[in-house]
Amino acid sequence: MGRKNGGLMSEALKYELAREMGVLDTVQRDGWGNVPSRQCGSLVSLAINRAERGLQTENR
C-alpha cells in the first residue's frame, strides 16, 4: 500500500489506520499484499475522511 516514491501517507499513518481497522496483525505478519482489497479500500476511505476533517478544522 503506497507508491514507490513514498506516496501520500506516511508509514506511521498507514500502520495507525491498519490498527484501527483491525488488520495490523495481518500487515505485520504477512505484509500489505495479504490485506483484502475491500479492507484496503476502507483504509483509504478512513484516511480521506481524516484529511477532510483536518482541512475543516484548519479553515475554522
N, C-alpha and C. Protein backbone atom coordinates (compact mmCIF):
# COMPACT_ATOMS: atom_id res chain seq x y z
N MET A 1 0.85 -1.17 0.00
CA MET A 1 0.00 0.00 0.00
C MET A 1 0.90 1.22 0.00
N GLY A 2 0.96 1.88 -1.11
CA GLY A 2 1.80 3.06 -1.20
C GLY A 2 2.49 3.10 -2.53
N ARG A 3 3.06 4.22 -2.83
CA ARG A 3 3.75 4.41 -4.10
C ARG A 3 5.23 4.21 -3.90
N LYS A 4 5.91 3.92 -4.99
CA LYS A 4 7.35 3.69 -4.92
C LYS A 4 8.10 4.93 -4.47
N ASN A 5 7.56 6.09 -4.75
CA ASN A 5 8.22 7.35 -4.40
C ASN A 5 7.77 7.88 -3.04
N GLY A 6 7.23 7.06 -2.20
CA GLY A 6 6.86 7.49 -0.87
C GLY A 6 5.37 7.63 -0.65
N GLY A 7 4.63 7.92 -1.68
CA GLY A 7 3.19 8.02 -1.55
C GLY A 7 2.76 9.25 -0.78
N LEU A 8 1.49 9.33 -0.52
CA LEU A 8 0.92 10.49 0.15
C LEU A 8 0.76 10.28 1.65
N MET A 9 0.69 9.04 2.08
CA MET A 9 0.51 8.74 3.51
C MET A 9 1.83 8.30 4.10
N SER A 10 2.10 8.77 5.30
CA SER A 10 3.30 8.32 6.00
C SER A 10 3.12 6.87 6.43
N GLU A 11 4.22 6.21 6.65
CA GLU A 11 4.16 4.83 7.13
C GLU A 11 3.45 4.77 8.48
N ALA A 12 3.72 5.76 9.32
CA ALA A 12 3.09 5.79 10.65
C ALA A 12 1.58 5.86 10.53
N LEU A 13 1.08 6.68 9.60
CA LEU A 13 -0.37 6.80 9.41
C LEU A 13 -0.95 5.49 8.88
N LYS A 14 -0.26 4.86 7.95
CA LYS A 14 -0.74 3.58 7.41
C LYS A 14 -0.91 2.55 8.53
N TYR A 15 0.08 2.47 9.40
CA TYR A 15 0.01 1.49 10.47
C TYR A 15 -1.04 1.87 11.52
N GLU A 16 -1.21 3.15 11.76
CA GLU A 16 -2.26 3.60 12.68
C GLU A 16 -3.64 3.23 12.14
N LEU A 17 -3.85 3.47 10.85
CA LEU A 17 -5.13 3.12 10.23
C LEU A 17 -5.34 1.60 10.23
N ALA A 18 -4.28 0.86 9.96
CA ALA A 18 -4.38 -0.60 9.97
C ALA A 18 -4.79 -1.10 11.35
N ARG A 19 -4.24 -0.47 12.39
CA ARG A 19 -4.61 -0.85 13.76
C ARG A 19 -6.09 -0.56 14.00
N GLU A 20 -6.55 0.62 13.57
CA GLU A 20 -7.96 0.97 13.75
C GLU A 20 -8.88 0.03 13.01
N MET A 21 -8.47 -0.43 11.84
CA MET A 21 -9.31 -1.31 11.01
C MET A 21 -9.20 -2.77 11.43
N GLY A 22 -8.26 -3.08 12.32
CA GLY A 22 -8.13 -4.45 12.80
C GLY A 22 -7.32 -5.35 11.89
N VAL A 23 -6.49 -4.77 11.03
CA VAL A 23 -5.69 -5.60 10.12
C VAL A 23 -4.19 -5.47 10.39
N LEU A 24 -3.82 -4.83 11.49
CA LEU A 24 -2.41 -4.62 11.78
C LEU A 24 -1.66 -5.94 11.91
N ASP A 25 -2.26 -6.92 12.56
CA ASP A 25 -1.59 -8.22 12.71
C ASP A 25 -1.27 -8.83 11.35
N THR A 26 -2.22 -8.75 10.43
CA THR A 26 -2.01 -9.29 9.08
C THR A 26 -0.88 -8.55 8.39
N VAL A 27 -0.88 -7.22 8.49
CA VAL A 27 0.16 -6.42 7.85
C VAL A 27 1.53 -6.77 8.41
N GLN A 28 1.63 -6.86 9.72
CA GLN A 28 2.92 -7.15 10.35
C GLN A 28 3.38 -8.57 10.04
N ARG A 29 2.46 -9.49 9.99
CA ARG A 29 2.81 -10.89 9.77
C ARG A 29 3.06 -11.19 8.29
N ASP A 30 2.17 -10.71 7.43
CA ASP A 30 2.18 -11.14 6.03
C ASP A 30 2.43 -10.03 5.02
N GLY A 31 2.38 -8.78 5.47
CA GLY A 31 2.59 -7.65 4.57
C GLY A 31 1.28 -7.11 4.02
N TRP A 32 1.37 -5.94 3.39
CA TRP A 32 0.19 -5.27 2.86
C TRP A 32 -0.47 -6.07 1.74
N GLY A 33 0.28 -6.86 1.03
CA GLY A 33 -0.26 -7.64 -0.09
C GLY A 33 -1.29 -8.67 0.32
N ASN A 34 -1.34 -9.01 1.58
CA ASN A 34 -2.30 -10.01 2.06
C ASN A 34 -3.51 -9.41 2.74
N VAL A 35 -3.61 -8.10 2.72
CA VAL A 35 -4.81 -7.43 3.26
C VAL A 35 -5.85 -7.43 2.14
N PRO A 36 -7.04 -7.93 2.40
CA PRO A 36 -8.07 -7.96 1.36
C PRO A 36 -8.34 -6.57 0.78
N SER A 37 -8.61 -6.53 -0.52
CA SER A 37 -8.78 -5.25 -1.20
C SER A 37 -9.92 -4.43 -0.60
N ARG A 38 -10.97 -5.09 -0.13
CA ARG A 38 -12.08 -4.35 0.49
C ARG A 38 -11.58 -3.58 1.71
N GLN A 39 -10.73 -4.21 2.51
CA GLN A 39 -10.21 -3.54 3.70
C GLN A 39 -9.22 -2.45 3.33
N CYS A 40 -8.44 -2.65 2.27
CA CYS A 40 -7.55 -1.59 1.80
C CYS A 40 -8.37 -0.38 1.36
N GLY A 41 -9.48 -0.63 0.68
CA GLY A 41 -10.36 0.46 0.29
C GLY A 41 -10.91 1.20 1.49
N SER A 42 -11.24 0.45 2.53
CA SER A 42 -11.75 1.07 3.76
C SER A 42 -10.66 1.90 4.44
N LEU A 43 -9.41 1.43 4.37
CA LEU A 43 -8.30 2.20 4.92
C LEU A 43 -8.14 3.52 4.19
N VAL A 44 -8.25 3.48 2.87
CA VAL A 44 -8.14 4.70 2.07
C VAL A 44 -9.29 5.65 2.42
N SER A 45 -10.49 5.13 2.52
CA SER A 45 -11.64 5.96 2.88
C SER A 45 -11.45 6.62 4.24
N LEU A 46 -10.94 5.86 5.19
CA LEU A 46 -10.68 6.40 6.52
C LEU A 46 -9.64 7.51 6.45
N ALA A 47 -8.60 7.31 5.66
CA ALA A 47 -7.56 8.34 5.51
C ALA A 47 -8.13 9.60 4.88
N ILE A 48 -8.99 9.45 3.88
CA ILE A 48 -9.61 10.60 3.22
C ILE A 48 -10.50 11.35 4.21
N ASN A 49 -11.29 10.61 4.98
CA ASN A 49 -12.15 11.25 5.98
C ASN A 49 -11.34 12.05 6.99
N ARG A 50 -10.23 11.49 7.43
CA ARG A 50 -9.36 12.20 8.38
C ARG A 50 -8.81 13.47 7.76
N ALA A 51 -8.37 13.37 6.52
CA ALA A 51 -7.81 14.54 5.84
C ALA A 51 -8.86 15.63 5.69
N GLU A 52 -10.06 15.24 5.33
CA GLU A 52 -11.15 16.21 5.18
C GLU A 52 -11.48 16.89 6.51
N ARG A 53 -11.51 16.10 7.58
CA ARG A 53 -11.76 16.68 8.90
C ARG A 53 -10.65 17.65 9.29
N GLY A 54 -9.42 17.29 8.95
CA GLY A 54 -8.29 18.17 9.24
C GLY A 54 -8.40 19.49 8.49
N LEU A 55 -8.82 19.42 7.24
CA LEU A 55 -9.00 20.64 6.46
C LEU A 55 -10.11 21.51 7.02
N GLN A 56 -11.18 20.87 7.45
CA GLN A 56 -12.30 21.63 8.03
C GLN A 56 -11.86 22.34 9.30
N THR A 57 -11.05 21.67 10.09
CA THR A 57 -10.56 22.25 11.34
C THR A 57 -9.63 23.44 11.05
N GLU A 58 -8.79 23.31 10.01
CA GLU A 58 -7.87 24.39 9.65
C GLU A 58 -8.62 25.61 9.15
N ASN A 59 -9.73 25.41 8.49
CA ASN A 59 -10.48 26.51 7.88
C ASN A 59 -11.40 27.23 8.86
N ARG A 60 -11.43 26.84 10.09
CA ARG A 60 -12.31 27.48 11.08
C ARG A 60 -11.64 28.65 11.72
